[in-house]
């Protein structure tokens, strides 16, 4: 039996708060969402992370901001895009687990 492949090495965690959106009073929501995106947490799907983000922003602001930020991350956060905020950005591009 072959030994398991070594785990991919993650790049250091980075965050810029709410990326291309004002931080408002919900910066901690953005940082938690960045953490989920950075490691592409195996226990959380991208959709679950995005919904949790929307819920957090809504609770700190309003439903409009929650929905707007949700739509933004759903469109721009796909792991096939070379953006520094994509799902799994802690891994080299195109090597998201």
Protein backbone atom coordinates (compact mmCIF):
# COMPACT_ATOMS: atom_id res chain seq x y z
CA UNK A 1 0.00 0.00 0.00
CA UNK A 2 1.34 3.41 -0.98
CA UNK A 3 1.88 6.10 1.61
CA UNK A 4 -0.63 8.94 1.51
CA UNK A 5 0.41 12.00 -0.43
CA UNK A 6 1.69 14.83 1.78
CA UNK A 7 -0.82 17.59 2.47
CA UNK A 8 -0.49 20.60 0.24
CA UNK A 9 1.40 23.46 1.81
CA UNK A 10 -0.82 26.48 2.39
CA UNK A 11 0.43 29.98 1.73
CA UNK A 12 0.30 32.26 4.80
CA UNK A 13 -3.17 33.57 5.64
CA UNK A 14 -3.90 37.06 4.40
CA UNK A 15 -6.97 39.27 4.54
CA UNK A 16 -7.83 42.72 3.31
CA UNK A 17 -11.11 42.85 5.15
CA UNK A 18 -14.01 43.06 2.72
CA UNK A 19 -11.90 43.19 -0.46
CA UNK A 20 -13.70 45.36 -3.01
CA UNK A 21 -16.56 46.37 -0.71
CA UNK A 22 -16.64 48.82 2.22
CA UNK A 23 -15.96 47.12 5.56
CA UNK A 24 -18.94 48.83 7.18
CA UNK A 25 -19.57 47.37 10.63
CA UNK A 26 -19.07 43.79 9.47
CA UNK A 27 -15.31 43.46 8.98
CA UNK A 28 -15.19 40.40 11.28
CA UNK A 29 -17.64 38.68 8.90
CA UNK A 30 -15.24 39.32 6.02
CA UNK A 31 -12.21 38.04 7.94
CA UNK A 32 -14.04 34.83 8.94
CA UNK A 33 -15.14 34.38 5.32
CA UNK A 34 -11.57 34.96 4.14
CA UNK A 35 -10.41 32.23 6.53
CA UNK A 36 -12.93 29.80 5.03
CA UNK A 37 -11.84 30.75 1.52
CA UNK A 38 -8.12 30.62 2.32
CA UNK A 39 -8.13 27.01 3.47
CA UNK A 40 -11.14 25.81 1.40
CA UNK A 41 -12.26 24.06 4.57
CA UNK A 42 -13.14 20.44 3.78
CA UNK A 43 -15.99 20.49 6.31
CA UNK A 44 -17.61 23.56 4.75
CA UNK A 45 -18.64 23.95 1.14
CA UNK A 46 -18.14 27.24 -0.62
CA UNK A 47 -21.91 27.77 -0.73
CA UNK A 48 -22.16 27.17 3.05
CA UNK A 49 -19.32 29.62 3.69
CA UNK A 50 -21.00 32.22 1.47
CA UNK A 51 -24.37 31.75 3.17
CA UNK A 52 -22.78 32.10 6.61
CA UNK A 53 -21.12 35.27 5.36
CA UNK A 54 -24.46 36.65 4.13
CA UNK A 55 -26.08 35.85 7.47
CA UNK A 56 -23.27 37.56 9.37
CA UNK A 57 -23.32 40.70 7.21
CA UNK A 58 -27.13 40.86 7.45
CA UNK A 59 -26.97 40.61 11.25
CA UNK A 60 -24.39 43.43 11.40
CA UNK A 61 -26.03 45.62 8.77
CA UNK A 62 -29.14 44.83 6.75
CA UNK A 63 -30.56 42.33 4.26
CA UNK A 64 -29.54 44.46 1.27
CA UNK A 65 -25.84 44.45 2.21
CA UNK A 66 -26.03 40.77 3.12
CA UNK A 67 -27.52 39.80 -0.23
CA UNK A 68 -25.22 42.11 -2.21
CA UNK A 69 -22.07 40.71 -0.59
CA UNK A 70 -23.40 37.16 -1.07
CA UNK A 71 -23.93 37.74 -4.78
CA UNK A 72 -20.47 39.28 -5.06
CA UNK A 73 -18.68 36.31 -3.52
CA UNK A 74 -20.79 33.81 -5.48
CA UNK A 75 -19.81 35.44 -8.78
CA UNK A 76 -16.20 36.43 -8.05
CA UNK A 77 -15.05 33.76 -5.59
CA UNK A 78 -14.94 30.69 -7.83
CA UNK A 79 -11.71 28.69 -7.52
CA UNK A 80 -11.21 28.66 -11.31
CA UNK A 81 -10.61 32.41 -11.27
CA UNK A 82 -7.05 33.66 -10.60
CA UNK A 83 -8.16 36.27 -8.06
CA UNK A 84 -6.36 36.58 -4.71
CA UNK A 85 -9.72 36.17 -2.93
CA UNK A 86 -10.91 32.99 -4.71
CA UNK A 87 -12.05 29.82 -2.90
CA UNK A 88 -8.86 28.08 -1.74
CA UNK A 89 -6.59 31.09 -2.22
CA UNK A 90 -4.16 29.64 0.31
CA UNK A 91 -3.22 27.06 -2.31
CA UNK A 92 -1.50 27.75 -5.62
CA UNK A 93 -4.03 28.66 -8.31
CA UNK A 94 -5.65 25.60 -9.91
CA UNK A 95 -4.46 23.39 -7.03
CA UNK A 96 -7.40 23.98 -4.71
CA UNK A 97 -8.07 20.77 -2.79
